[in-house]
Amino acid sequence: MSAAIIWDVDGTLVDTAELHFQAWAAIAKEHGQPFTRGDFAATFGRRNPEIIQQLFGDRFAGPAMNDLADRKEQLYRDEAAKGTDLLPGVRSLLIGLHEAGYKQAIGSSAPRANLDLILRLSGVERFFDAIIASEDTQRGKPDPQVFLLAAERLGVEPSRCLVMEDAVAGVQAAKAGGMKCVAVRFVGHHTAEKLQAAGADRIVDSLAQLSIQDVRDLLG
């Protein structure tokens, strides 16, 4: 089948947003910088270099920026390793898509170590034919690079790809790449109105509401 599903991870496959918030808050506190829920909502889903620049301006660059990002991610992984669950509807949808012959990939702004940990803990590595992490890209969402690279590695035309996302920047990236996009609101970082304005082809409260036939219909 020449069609594919590309999955975002945080807020789509799993909900580890609070772990990210706590890790960033700890990093900000160490450097005398406030970090609010509003700051988190404004940066969620973006790559670490872009988040650090938005939070700290030009205070960190090069190796110092990398060290700061590494520390934040280690704080996150230490907590995530205690256990995390797939969001409602995800496991059955992964299985159904696999059985229907769809190729599947991860397209995430997260570091590869985070993705490997989450996929291993949730036991779903076997469903993915490609994993695109922050190390694979130079530009973060809403730039479509991460999704276009996933499509390329799967050998599927962008127009035959459906992206599963939860963030406005992710929806914008999918549409900029010429792909269909389902926006899931279970975590609730963004309103349905904002996701629709970003171009989502369908908005669901949970992926339990999405069937294989829905995917077929979206991909034509």
N, C-alpha and C. Protein backbone atom coordinates (compact mmCIF):
# COMPACT_ATOMS: atom_id res chain seq x y z
N MET A 1 0.85 -1.20 0.00
CA MET A 1 0.00 0.00 0.00
C MET A 1 0.88 1.25 0.00
N SER A 2 0.67 2.14 -0.95
CA SER A 2 1.49 3.35 -1.05
C SER A 2 0.87 4.49 -0.27
N ALA A 3 0.67 4.28 1.02
CA ALA A 3 0.15 5.31 1.91
C ALA A 3 0.77 5.10 3.28
N ALA A 4 0.87 6.18 4.06
CA ALA A 4 1.57 6.09 5.34
C ALA A 4 0.96 6.99 6.39
N ILE A 5 1.20 6.61 7.64
CA ILE A 5 0.79 7.39 8.79
C ILE A 5 2.06 7.84 9.51
N ILE A 6 2.15 9.13 9.79
CA ILE A 6 3.30 9.67 10.51
C ILE A 6 2.81 10.22 11.85
N TRP A 7 3.41 9.72 12.91
CA TRP A 7 2.97 10.04 14.26
C TRP A 7 3.89 11.02 14.97
N ASP A 8 3.32 12.08 15.51
CA ASP A 8 3.97 12.84 16.56
C ASP A 8 3.91 11.97 17.82
N VAL A 9 4.69 12.30 18.85
CA VAL A 9 4.73 11.45 20.04
C VAL A 9 4.09 12.12 21.25
N ASP A 10 4.71 13.17 21.77
CA ASP A 10 4.19 13.78 22.99
C ASP A 10 2.86 14.47 22.73
N GLY A 11 1.83 14.02 23.43
CA GLY A 11 0.49 14.56 23.26
C GLY A 11 -0.34 13.83 22.24
N THR A 12 0.31 12.89 21.52
CA THR A 12 -0.39 12.14 20.48
C THR A 12 -0.36 10.64 20.77
N LEU A 13 0.85 10.10 20.89
CA LEU A 13 1.00 8.70 21.31
C LEU A 13 0.86 8.57 22.83
N VAL A 14 1.54 9.46 23.53
CA VAL A 14 1.56 9.43 24.99
C VAL A 14 1.37 10.86 25.51
N ASP A 15 1.07 10.97 26.81
CA ASP A 15 0.98 12.28 27.44
C ASP A 15 2.07 12.39 28.48
N THR A 16 3.20 12.95 28.08
CA THR A 16 4.29 13.19 29.02
C THR A 16 4.56 14.70 29.14
N ALA A 17 3.57 15.48 28.79
CA ALA A 17 3.74 16.94 28.79
C ALA A 17 4.14 17.46 30.17
N GLU A 18 3.53 16.94 31.22
CA GLU A 18 3.83 17.43 32.56
C GLU A 18 5.29 17.16 32.92
N LEU A 19 5.82 16.04 32.44
CA LEU A 19 7.23 15.72 32.70
C LEU A 19 8.14 16.73 31.99
N HIS A 20 7.77 17.09 30.77
CA HIS A 20 8.53 18.12 30.06
C HIS A 20 8.44 19.46 30.78
N PHE A 21 7.24 19.81 31.22
CA PHE A 21 7.06 21.09 31.92
C PHE A 21 7.94 21.15 33.17
N GLN A 22 7.91 20.09 33.97
CA GLN A 22 8.69 20.08 35.20
C GLN A 22 10.19 20.16 34.91
N ALA A 23 10.63 19.48 33.86
CA ALA A 23 12.05 19.51 33.50
C ALA A 23 12.48 20.91 33.06
N TRP A 24 11.67 21.54 32.20
CA TRP A 24 12.01 22.90 31.77
C TRP A 24 11.94 23.89 32.93
N ALA A 25 10.96 23.71 33.81
CA ALA A 25 10.84 24.60 34.96
C ALA A 25 12.08 24.50 35.85
N ALA A 26 12.58 23.27 36.03
CA ALA A 26 13.79 23.07 36.84
C ALA A 26 14.99 23.74 36.20
N ILE A 27 15.13 23.59 34.88
CA ILE A 27 16.25 24.22 34.16
C ILE A 27 16.16 25.74 34.26
N ALA A 28 14.97 26.27 34.05
CA ALA A 28 14.79 27.73 34.12
C ALA A 28 15.12 28.26 35.51
N LYS A 29 14.69 27.54 36.53
CA LYS A 29 14.94 27.97 37.91
C LYS A 29 16.44 28.01 38.20
N GLU A 30 17.16 27.01 37.68
CA GLU A 30 18.61 26.97 37.89
C GLU A 30 19.30 28.21 37.35
N HIS A 31 18.70 28.82 36.33
CA HIS A 31 19.32 29.97 35.68
C HIS A 31 18.56 31.27 35.94
N GLY A 32 17.76 31.26 37.01
CA GLY A 32 17.08 32.47 37.43
C GLY A 32 16.04 32.98 36.45
N GLN A 33 15.44 32.05 35.71
CA GLN A 33 14.48 32.43 34.68
C GLN A 33 13.10 31.87 35.03
N PRO A 34 12.05 32.69 35.01
CA PRO A 34 10.71 32.13 35.24
C PRO A 34 10.29 31.25 34.07
N PHE A 35 9.43 30.28 34.35
CA PHE A 35 8.90 29.42 33.29
C PHE A 35 7.46 29.10 33.65
N THR A 36 6.54 29.68 32.91
CA THR A 36 5.12 29.56 33.22
C THR A 36 4.44 28.54 32.32
N ARG A 37 3.20 28.23 32.64
CA ARG A 37 2.40 27.36 31.78
C ARG A 37 2.23 27.99 30.39
N GLY A 38 2.15 29.31 30.37
CA GLY A 38 2.05 30.00 29.09
C GLY A 38 3.31 29.83 28.26
N ASP A 39 4.47 29.92 28.92
CA ASP A 39 5.73 29.68 28.22
C ASP A 39 5.76 28.27 27.64
N PHE A 40 5.27 27.32 28.42
CA PHE A 40 5.27 25.93 27.98
C PHE A 40 4.37 25.74 26.78
N ALA A 41 3.16 26.30 26.84
CA ALA A 41 2.22 26.17 25.72
C ALA A 41 2.79 26.80 24.46
N ALA A 42 3.54 27.88 24.61
CA ALA A 42 4.08 28.59 23.45
C ALA A 42 5.25 27.85 22.81
N THR A 43 5.88 26.94 23.55
CA THR A 43 7.08 26.26 23.04
C THR A 43 6.88 24.76 22.83
N PHE A 44 5.77 24.20 23.31
CA PHE A 44 5.59 22.76 23.25
C PHE A 44 5.57 22.27 21.80
N GLY A 45 6.30 21.20 21.56
CA GLY A 45 6.36 20.61 20.23
C GLY A 45 7.51 21.12 19.38
N ARG A 46 8.25 22.10 19.90
CA ARG A 46 9.37 22.65 19.14
C ARG A 46 10.68 21.97 19.54
N ARG A 47 11.72 22.16 18.73
CA ARG A 47 13.02 21.58 19.00
C ARG A 47 13.71 22.36 20.12
N ASN A 48 14.60 21.68 20.85
CA ASN A 48 15.27 22.31 21.98
C ASN A 48 16.02 23.60 21.62
N PRO A 49 16.77 23.65 20.51
CA PRO A 49 17.47 24.91 20.21
C PRO A 49 16.53 26.10 20.10
N GLU A 50 15.35 25.86 19.51
CA GLU A 50 14.38 26.96 19.37
C GLU A 50 13.76 27.33 20.71
N ILE A 51 13.51 26.32 21.55
CA ILE A 51 12.95 26.59 22.88
C ILE A 51 13.95 27.38 23.73
N ILE A 52 15.20 26.94 23.72
CA ILE A 52 16.22 27.60 24.53
C ILE A 52 16.42 29.04 24.08
N GLN A 53 16.41 29.26 22.79
CA GLN A 53 16.55 30.63 22.29
C GLN A 53 15.37 31.50 22.70
N GLN A 54 14.17 30.92 22.65
CA GLN A 54 12.99 31.70 23.04
C GLN A 54 13.01 32.02 24.53
N LEU A 55 13.48 31.06 25.34
CA LEU A 55 13.48 31.26 26.80
C LEU A 55 14.63 32.14 27.27
N PHE A 56 15.82 31.93 26.69
CA PHE A 56 17.02 32.56 27.23
C PHE A 56 17.69 33.54 26.28
N GLY A 57 17.11 33.78 25.10
CA GLY A 57 17.73 34.68 24.15
C GLY A 57 19.07 34.14 23.69
N ASP A 58 20.10 34.98 23.75
CA ASP A 58 21.43 34.59 23.29
C ASP A 58 22.36 34.15 24.42
N ARG A 59 21.79 33.83 25.57
CA ARG A 59 22.63 33.45 26.72
C ARG A 59 23.37 32.13 26.48
N PHE A 60 22.80 31.25 25.67
CA PHE A 60 23.41 29.94 25.45
C PHE A 60 23.55 29.69 23.96
N ALA A 61 24.71 29.18 23.58
CA ALA A 61 24.96 28.85 22.17
C ALA A 61 25.99 27.74 22.11
N GLY A 62 26.02 27.04 20.98
CA GLY A 62 27.03 26.00 20.78
C GLY A 62 27.00 24.93 21.85
N PRO A 63 28.18 24.54 22.39
CA PRO A 63 28.25 23.49 23.40
C PRO A 63 27.42 23.79 24.65
N ALA A 64 27.35 25.06 25.04
CA ALA A 64 26.56 25.42 26.23
C ALA A 64 25.08 25.14 26.01
N MET A 65 24.58 25.42 24.81
CA MET A 65 23.20 25.12 24.49
C MET A 65 22.96 23.60 24.49
N ASN A 66 23.90 22.87 23.91
CA ASN A 66 23.76 21.41 23.87
C ASN A 66 23.76 20.82 25.28
N ASP A 67 24.63 21.34 26.15
CA ASP A 67 24.69 20.84 27.52
C ASP A 67 23.38 21.11 28.26
N LEU A 68 22.83 22.30 28.04
CA LEU A 68 21.57 22.66 28.70
C LEU A 68 20.44 21.74 28.22
N ALA A 69 20.38 21.51 26.90
CA ALA A 69 19.35 20.63 26.34
C ALA A 69 19.51 19.21 26.86
N ASP A 70 20.76 18.74 26.94
CA ASP A 70 21.00 17.38 27.42
C ASP A 70 20.56 17.22 28.87
N ARG A 71 20.82 18.23 29.69
CA ARG A 71 20.40 18.15 31.09
C ARG A 71 18.88 18.13 31.20
N LYS A 72 18.23 18.97 30.42
CA LYS A 72 16.76 18.98 30.46
C LYS A 72 16.21 17.62 30.08
N GLU A 73 16.75 17.01 29.01
CA GLU A 73 16.22 15.73 28.55
C GLU A 73 16.52 14.60 29.52
N GLN A 74 17.66 14.68 30.22
CA GLN A 74 17.94 13.66 31.22
C GLN A 74 16.96 13.74 32.38
N LEU A 75 16.63 14.97 32.80
CA LEU A 75 15.60 15.14 33.83
C LEU A 75 14.28 14.52 33.38
N TYR A 76 13.93 14.78 32.13
CA TYR A 76 12.69 14.22 31.56
C TYR A 76 12.73 12.70 31.55
N ARG A 77 13.82 12.12 31.04
CA ARG A 77 13.89 10.66 30.91
C ARG A 77 13.89 9.96 32.27
N ASP A 78 14.51 10.60 33.25
CA ASP A 78 14.52 10.01 34.60
C ASP A 78 13.10 9.81 35.11
N GLU A 79 12.23 10.76 34.83
CA GLU A 79 10.84 10.65 35.27
C GLU A 79 10.03 9.74 34.35
N ALA A 80 10.24 9.86 33.04
CA ALA A 80 9.49 9.04 32.09
C ALA A 80 9.78 7.56 32.29
N ALA A 81 10.99 7.23 32.70
CA ALA A 81 11.38 5.83 32.88
C ALA A 81 10.58 5.14 33.99
N LYS A 82 9.92 5.94 34.83
CA LYS A 82 9.12 5.35 35.91
C LYS A 82 7.82 4.76 35.37
N GLY A 83 7.52 5.03 34.08
CA GLY A 83 6.35 4.44 33.45
C GLY A 83 5.50 5.46 32.72
N THR A 84 5.00 5.06 31.57
CA THR A 84 4.12 5.93 30.79
C THR A 84 3.15 5.07 30.00
N ASP A 85 1.97 5.57 29.75
CA ASP A 85 0.94 4.80 29.05
C ASP A 85 0.58 5.46 27.72
N LEU A 86 0.19 4.62 26.76
CA LEU A 86 -0.33 5.14 25.50
C LEU A 86 -1.66 5.83 25.75
N LEU A 87 -1.95 6.84 24.97
CA LEU A 87 -3.23 7.54 25.09
C LEU A 87 -4.37 6.67 24.56
N PRO A 88 -5.61 6.97 24.94
CA PRO A 88 -6.76 6.15 24.53
C PRO A 88 -6.85 6.01 23.01
N GLY A 89 -7.07 4.77 22.58
CA GLY A 89 -7.27 4.48 21.17
C GLY A 89 -6.00 4.26 20.37
N VAL A 90 -4.86 4.60 20.94
CA VAL A 90 -3.61 4.54 20.18
C VAL A 90 -3.21 3.11 19.84
N ARG A 91 -3.18 2.22 20.83
CA ARG A 91 -2.70 0.87 20.57
C ARG A 91 -3.56 0.15 19.53
N SER A 92 -4.87 0.24 19.68
CA SER A 92 -5.75 -0.44 18.73
C SER A 92 -5.61 0.17 17.33
N LEU A 93 -5.39 1.48 17.25
CA LEU A 93 -5.22 2.12 15.95
C LEU A 93 -3.90 1.70 15.31
N LEU A 94 -2.84 1.64 16.08
CA LEU A 94 -1.55 1.16 15.57
C LEU A 94 -1.68 -0.24 15.01
N ILE A 95 -2.35 -1.10 15.74
CA ILE A 95 -2.53 -2.48 15.30
C ILE A 95 -3.37 -2.53 14.03
N GLY A 96 -4.48 -1.80 14.02
CA GLY A 96 -5.37 -1.80 12.87
C GLY A 96 -4.70 -1.27 11.61
N LEU A 97 -3.92 -0.21 11.75
CA LEU A 97 -3.20 0.35 10.61
C LEU A 97 -2.14 -0.63 10.10
N HIS A 98 -1.46 -1.29 11.01
CA HIS A 98 -0.46 -2.29 10.62
C HIS A 98 -1.11 -3.44 9.86
N GLU A 99 -2.21 -3.93 10.38
CA GLU A 99 -2.91 -5.05 9.74
C GLU A 99 -3.49 -4.65 8.39
N ALA A 100 -3.83 -3.36 8.24
CA ALA A 100 -4.38 -2.87 6.97
C ALA A 100 -3.29 -2.59 5.93
N GLY A 101 -2.02 -2.70 6.34
CA GLY A 101 -0.93 -2.55 5.40
C GLY A 101 -0.34 -1.16 5.29
N TYR A 102 -0.72 -0.25 6.18
CA TYR A 102 -0.15 1.09 6.13
C TYR A 102 1.27 1.10 6.71
N LYS A 103 2.17 1.82 6.06
CA LYS A 103 3.48 2.08 6.65
C LYS A 103 3.29 3.14 7.74
N GLN A 104 4.13 3.06 8.79
CA GLN A 104 4.02 4.01 9.88
C GLN A 104 5.40 4.51 10.30
N ALA A 105 5.46 5.78 10.68
CA ALA A 105 6.72 6.38 11.11
C ALA A 105 6.46 7.34 12.27
N ILE A 106 7.53 7.63 12.99
CA ILE A 106 7.52 8.67 14.00
C ILE A 106 8.17 9.91 13.40
N GLY A 107 7.51 11.07 13.57
CA GLY A 107 8.08 12.35 13.16
C GLY A 107 8.00 13.32 14.33
N SER A 108 9.08 13.43 15.09
CA SER A 108 9.02 14.14 16.36
C SER A 108 10.15 15.16 16.50
N SER A 109 9.89 16.18 17.31
CA SER A 109 10.90 17.18 17.65
C SER A 109 11.77 16.73 18.82
N ALA A 110 11.47 15.58 19.38
CA ALA A 110 12.19 15.08 20.56
C ALA A 110 13.50 14.40 20.16
N PRO A 111 14.47 14.37 21.07
CA PRO A 111 15.71 13.63 20.82
C PRO A 111 15.45 12.13 20.67
N ARG A 112 16.31 11.45 19.93
CA ARG A 112 16.13 10.02 19.66
C ARG A 112 16.08 9.20 20.95
N ALA A 113 16.89 9.57 21.95
CA ALA A 113 16.90 8.80 23.20
C ALA A 113 15.54 8.84 23.87
N ASN A 114 14.85 9.98 23.81
CA ASN A 114 13.50 10.07 24.38
C ASN A 114 12.54 9.14 23.65
N LEU A 115 12.61 9.17 22.32
CA LEU A 115 11.70 8.36 21.51
C LEU A 115 11.94 6.88 21.75
N ASP A 116 13.20 6.47 21.78
CA ASP A 116 13.52 5.06 22.02
C ASP A 116 12.97 4.61 23.36
N LEU A 117 13.10 5.46 24.38
CA LEU A 117 12.60 5.13 25.71
C LEU A 117 11.08 4.95 25.70
N ILE A 118 10.37 5.91 25.13
CA ILE A 118 8.91 5.86 25.11
C ILE A 118 8.41 4.66 24.32
N LEU A 119 8.99 4.41 23.15
CA LEU A 119 8.55 3.29 22.32
C LEU A 119 8.83 1.96 23.00
N ARG A 120 9.96 1.89 23.70
CA ARG A 120 10.28 0.64 24.41
C ARG A 120 9.35 0.43 25.60
N LEU A 121 9.12 1.46 26.38
CA LEU A 121 8.26 1.33 27.55
C LEU A 121 6.82 0.97 27.17
N SER A 122 6.36 1.52 26.04
CA SER A 122 4.98 1.26 25.61
C SER A 122 4.86 0.02 24.72
N GLY A 123 5.99 -0.56 24.33
CA GLY A 123 5.98 -1.81 23.57
C GLY A 123 5.43 -1.69 22.17
N VAL A 124 5.69 -0.56 21.49
CA VAL A 124 5.12 -0.38 20.15
C VAL A 124 6.20 -0.16 19.07
N GLU A 125 7.46 -0.46 19.39
CA GLU A 125 8.53 -0.23 18.39
C GLU A 125 8.25 -0.95 17.08
N ARG A 126 7.67 -2.12 17.15
CA ARG A 126 7.53 -2.97 15.97
C ARG A 126 6.61 -2.37 14.90
N PHE A 127 5.82 -1.38 15.28
CA PHE A 127 4.87 -0.82 14.31
C PHE A 127 5.50 0.23 13.39
N PHE A 128 6.72 0.68 13.70
CA PHE A 128 7.27 1.83 12.99
C PHE A 128 8.42 1.44 12.08
N ASP A 129 8.29 1.85 10.81
CA ASP A 129 9.30 1.55 9.80
C ASP A 129 10.39 2.63 9.73
N ALA A 130 10.16 3.78 10.34
CA ALA A 130 11.15 4.86 10.37
C ALA A 130 10.89 5.72 11.59
N ILE A 131 11.96 6.26 12.15
CA ILE A 131 11.87 7.17 13.29
C ILE A 131 12.70 8.40 12.99
N ILE A 132 12.04 9.56 12.91
CA ILE A 132 12.72 10.82 12.67
C ILE A 132 12.69 11.61 13.97
N ALA A 133 13.88 11.95 14.47
CA ALA A 133 14.02 12.67 15.73
C ALA A 133 14.66 14.03 15.48
N SER A 134 14.85 14.78 16.56
CA SER A 134 15.40 16.14 16.40
C SER A 134 16.79 16.12 15.78
N GLU A 135 17.56 15.07 16.03
CA GLU A 135 18.92 14.99 15.47
C GLU A 135 18.92 14.89 13.94
N ASP A 136 17.80 14.49 13.38
CA ASP A 136 17.71 14.29 11.93
C ASP A 136 17.33 15.56 11.18
N THR A 137 16.98 16.61 11.89
CA THR A 137 16.46 17.82 11.24
C THR A 137 17.27 19.06 11.65
N GLN A 138 17.17 20.07 10.81
CA GLN A 138 17.79 21.36 11.12
C GLN A 138 16.74 22.44 11.39
N ARG A 139 15.50 22.14 11.04
CA ARG A 139 14.41 23.11 11.21
C ARG A 139 13.24 22.42 11.91
N GLY A 140 12.71 23.10 12.91
CA GLY A 140 11.61 22.52 13.67
C GLY A 140 10.25 22.90 13.12
N LYS A 141 9.22 22.21 13.59
CA LYS A 141 7.85 22.54 13.26
C LYS A 141 7.59 24.00 13.66
N PRO A 142 6.90 24.79 12.85
CA PRO A 142 5.98 24.43 11.76
C PRO A 142 6.63 24.17 10.40
N ASP A 143 7.96 24.20 10.32
CA ASP A 143 8.60 23.78 9.08
C ASP A 143 8.29 22.29 8.87
N PRO A 144 8.01 21.86 7.64
CA PRO A 144 7.60 20.47 7.39
C PRO A 144 8.74 19.47 7.29
N GLN A 145 9.98 19.88 7.55
CA GLN A 145 11.13 19.01 7.30
C GLN A 145 10.99 17.64 7.95
N VAL A 146 10.57 17.59 9.21
CA VAL A 146 10.52 16.31 9.92
C VAL A 146 9.55 15.33 9.25
N PHE A 147 8.42 15.84 8.78
CA PHE A 147 7.43 14.97 8.14
C PHE A 147 7.85 14.59 6.72
N LEU A 148 8.44 15.52 6.01
CA LEU A 148 8.90 15.21 4.65
C LEU A 148 10.02 14.17 4.68
N LEU A 149 10.88 14.24 5.68
CA LEU A 149 11.94 13.25 5.81
C LEU A 149 11.37 11.88 6.14
N ALA A 150 10.34 11.85 6.99
CA ALA A 150 9.68 10.59 7.31
C ALA A 150 9.08 9.97 6.06
N ALA A 151 8.39 10.78 5.26
CA ALA A 151 7.79 10.29 4.02
C ALA A 151 8.86 9.75 3.08
N GLU A 152 9.97 10.47 2.99
CA GLU A 152 11.07 10.04 2.12
C GLU A 152 11.61 8.68 2.55
N ARG A 153 11.81 8.52 3.85
CA ARG A 153 12.36 7.24 4.35
C ARG A 153 11.38 6.09 4.19
N LEU A 154 10.10 6.41 4.20
CA LEU A 154 9.09 5.37 3.99
C LEU A 154 8.89 5.08 2.50
N GLY A 155 9.36 5.97 1.64
CA GLY A 155 9.16 5.80 0.20
C GLY A 155 7.74 6.08 -0.23
N VAL A 156 7.10 7.05 0.44
CA VAL A 156 5.70 7.39 0.17
C VAL A 156 5.61 8.88 -0.17
N GLU A 157 4.82 9.20 -1.19
CA GLU A 157 4.62 10.60 -1.56
C GLU A 157 3.93 11.35 -0.41
N PRO A 158 4.33 12.61 -0.16
CA PRO A 158 3.69 13.39 0.91
C PRO A 158 2.17 13.44 0.81
N SER A 159 1.65 13.51 -0.41
CA SER A 159 0.20 13.60 -0.58
C SER A 159 -0.51 12.32 -0.15
N ARG A 160 0.25 11.25 0.05
CA ARG A 160 -0.32 9.97 0.49
C ARG A 160 -0.01 9.70 1.96
N CYS A 161 0.34 10.78 2.69
CA CYS A 161 0.66 10.64 4.11
C CYS A 161 -0.38 11.34 4.98
N LEU A 162 -0.68 10.72 6.10
CA LEU A 162 -1.58 11.29 7.11
C LEU A 162 -0.79 11.46 8.40
N VAL A 163 -0.77 12.67 8.92
CA VAL A 163 -0.04 12.98 10.14
C VAL A 163 -0.99 13.01 11.33
N MET A 164 -0.56 12.38 12.44
CA MET A 164 -1.29 12.44 13.70
C MET A 164 -0.57 13.44 14.59
N GLU A 165 -1.27 14.51 14.98
CA GLU A 165 -0.66 15.60 15.73
C GLU A 165 -1.58 16.09 16.85
N ASP A 166 -1.00 16.87 17.76
CA ASP A 166 -1.82 17.51 18.79
C ASP A 166 -1.53 19.00 18.91
N ALA A 167 -0.48 19.48 18.23
CA ALA A 167 -0.07 20.87 18.39
C ALA A 167 -0.30 21.69 17.12
N VAL A 168 -0.56 22.96 17.31
CA VAL A 168 -0.78 23.85 16.18
C VAL A 168 0.43 23.84 15.24
N ALA A 169 1.64 23.95 15.80
CA ALA A 169 2.84 23.96 14.97
C ALA A 169 2.97 22.67 14.17
N GLY A 170 2.56 21.54 14.77
CA GLY A 170 2.63 20.26 14.08
C GLY A 170 1.62 20.16 12.95
N VAL A 171 0.42 20.66 13.18
CA VAL A 171 -0.59 20.69 12.12
C VAL A 171 -0.11 21.57 10.97
N GLN A 172 0.44 22.72 11.30
CA GLN A 172 0.95 23.63 10.27
C GLN A 172 2.06 22.95 9.48
N ALA A 173 2.91 22.20 10.15
CA ALA A 173 4.01 21.50 9.47
C ALA A 173 3.47 20.45 8.51
N ALA A 174 2.48 19.69 8.96
CA ALA A 174 1.89 18.66 8.10
C ALA A 174 1.28 19.28 6.84
N LYS A 175 0.54 20.35 7.01
CA LYS A 175 -0.11 20.98 5.86
C LYS A 175 0.91 21.65 4.94
N ALA A 176 1.97 22.23 5.52
CA ALA A 176 3.02 22.83 4.70
C ALA A 176 3.72 21.77 3.86
N GLY A 177 3.72 20.52 4.36
CA GLY A 177 4.33 19.42 3.63
C GLY A 177 3.40 18.76 2.64
N GLY A 178 2.19 19.27 2.51
CA GLY A 178 1.24 18.71 1.56
C GLY A 178 0.58 17.43 2.03
N MET A 179 0.46 17.27 3.36
CA MET A 179 -0.09 16.06 3.94
C MET A 179 -1.45 16.31 4.59
N LYS A 180 -2.21 15.24 4.76
CA LYS A 180 -3.42 15.31 5.55
C LYS A 180 -3.04 15.28 7.03
N CYS A 181 -3.93 15.77 7.89
CA CYS A 181 -3.59 15.81 9.32
C CYS A 181 -4.83 15.62 10.19
N VAL A 182 -4.70 14.71 11.16
CA VAL A 182 -5.70 14.54 12.21
C VAL A 182 -5.12 15.18 13.47
N ALA A 183 -5.87 16.06 14.08
CA ALA A 183 -5.45 16.70 15.34
C ALA A 183 -6.24 16.08 16.49
N VAL A 184 -5.52 15.61 17.49
CA VAL A 184 -6.17 14.98 18.65
C VAL A 184 -6.07 15.93 19.84
N ARG A 185 -7.19 16.11 20.52
CA ARG A 185 -7.29 17.11 21.59
C ARG A 185 -7.28 16.52 22.99
N PHE A 186 -6.93 15.26 23.14
CA PHE A 186 -7.04 14.61 24.45
C PHE A 186 -6.25 15.34 25.52
N VAL A 187 -5.04 15.75 25.19
CA VAL A 187 -4.21 16.47 26.16
C VAL A 187 -4.70 17.90 26.34
N GLY A 188 -5.22 18.49 25.29
CA GLY A 188 -5.90 19.77 25.40
C GLY A 188 -5.03 21.00 25.45
N HIS A 189 -3.85 20.96 24.82
CA HIS A 189 -3.00 22.14 24.79
C HIS A 189 -3.55 23.23 23.89
N HIS A 190 -4.32 22.83 22.87
CA HIS A 190 -4.82 23.80 21.90
C HIS A 190 -6.32 23.60 21.68
N THR A 191 -7.01 24.69 21.44
CA THR A 191 -8.45 24.61 21.20
C THR A 191 -8.73 24.04 19.81
N ALA A 192 -9.93 23.53 19.65
CA ALA A 192 -10.33 23.02 18.34
C ALA A 192 -10.29 24.13 17.30
N GLU A 193 -10.64 25.35 17.71
CA GLU A 193 -10.64 26.47 16.78
C GLU A 193 -9.23 26.76 16.25
N LYS A 194 -8.23 26.72 17.13
CA LYS A 194 -6.85 26.98 16.70
C LYS A 194 -6.32 25.86 15.81
N LEU A 195 -6.68 24.62 16.13
CA LEU A 195 -6.25 23.48 15.31
C LEU A 195 -6.90 23.52 13.94
N GLN A 196 -8.16 23.92 13.92
CA GLN A 196 -8.85 24.04 12.64
C GLN A 196 -8.25 25.17 11.80
N ALA A 197 -7.94 26.28 12.45
CA ALA A 197 -7.33 27.40 11.74
C ALA A 197 -5.95 27.04 11.19
N ALA A 198 -5.28 26.11 11.88
CA ALA A 198 -3.96 25.66 11.42
C ALA A 198 -4.07 24.76 10.19
N GLY A 199 -5.30 24.23 9.95
CA GLY A 199 -5.51 23.43 8.75
C GLY A 199 -5.83 21.97 8.98
N ALA A 200 -6.09 21.56 10.22
CA ALA A 200 -6.39 20.15 10.50
C ALA A 200 -7.56 19.67 9.64
N ASP A 201 -7.39 18.48 9.04
CA ASP A 201 -8.45 17.91 8.21
C ASP A 201 -9.54 17.27 9.05
N ARG A 202 -9.16 16.83 10.24
CA ARG A 202 -10.15 16.30 11.18
C ARG A 202 -9.63 16.54 12.59
N ILE A 203 -10.54 16.84 13.50
CA ILE A 203 -10.19 17.06 14.90
C ILE A 203 -10.98 16.06 15.74
N VAL A 204 -10.29 15.33 16.62
CA VAL A 204 -10.94 14.35 17.48
C VAL A 204 -10.53 14.62 18.93
N ASP A 205 -11.43 14.27 19.85
CA ASP A 205 -11.09 14.42 21.26
C ASP A 205 -10.17 13.29 21.72
N SER A 206 -10.24 12.16 21.03
CA SER A 206 -9.42 11.00 21.35
C SER A 206 -9.27 10.17 20.09
N LEU A 207 -8.13 9.49 19.95
CA LEU A 207 -7.94 8.64 18.78
C LEU A 207 -8.81 7.40 18.82
N ALA A 208 -9.49 7.17 19.92
CA ALA A 208 -10.49 6.10 19.96
C ALA A 208 -11.65 6.41 19.03
N GLN A 209 -11.77 7.68 18.64
CA GLN A 209 -12.85 8.10 17.73
C GLN A 209 -12.48 7.91 16.26
N LEU A 210 -11.25 7.51 15.98
CA LEU A 210 -10.78 7.41 14.60
C LEU A 210 -10.69 5.95 14.18
N SER A 211 -11.36 5.61 13.09
CA SER A 211 -11.36 4.23 12.59
C SER A 211 -10.44 4.09 11.38
N ILE A 212 -10.15 2.86 11.01
CA ILE A 212 -9.36 2.60 9.81
C ILE A 212 -10.08 3.14 8.58
N GLN A 213 -11.40 3.03 8.57
CA GLN A 213 -12.17 3.56 7.44
C GLN A 213 -12.04 5.08 7.37
N ASP A 214 -11.99 5.74 8.54
CA ASP A 214 -11.77 7.19 8.54
C ASP A 214 -10.43 7.54 7.88
N VAL A 215 -9.42 6.74 8.20
CA VAL A 215 -8.09 6.97 7.61
C VAL A 215 -8.17 6.79 6.09
N ARG A 216 -8.82 5.73 5.64
CA ARG A 216 -8.98 5.49 4.20
C ARG A 216 -9.68 6.67 3.54
N ASP A 217 -10.71 7.16 4.17
CA ASP A 217 -11.47 8.29 3.59
C ASP A 217 -10.60 9.55 3.50
N LEU A 218 -9.81 9.81 4.54
CA LEU A 218 -8.95 10.99 4.54
C LEU A 218 -7.88 10.92 3.45
N LEU A 219 -7.39 9.72 3.19
CA LEU A 219 -6.34 9.55 2.20
C LEU A 219 -6.90 9.29 0.79
N GLY A 220 -8.21 9.28 0.70
CA GLY A 220 -8.84 9.13 -0.61
C GLY A 220 -8.72 7.74 -1.20
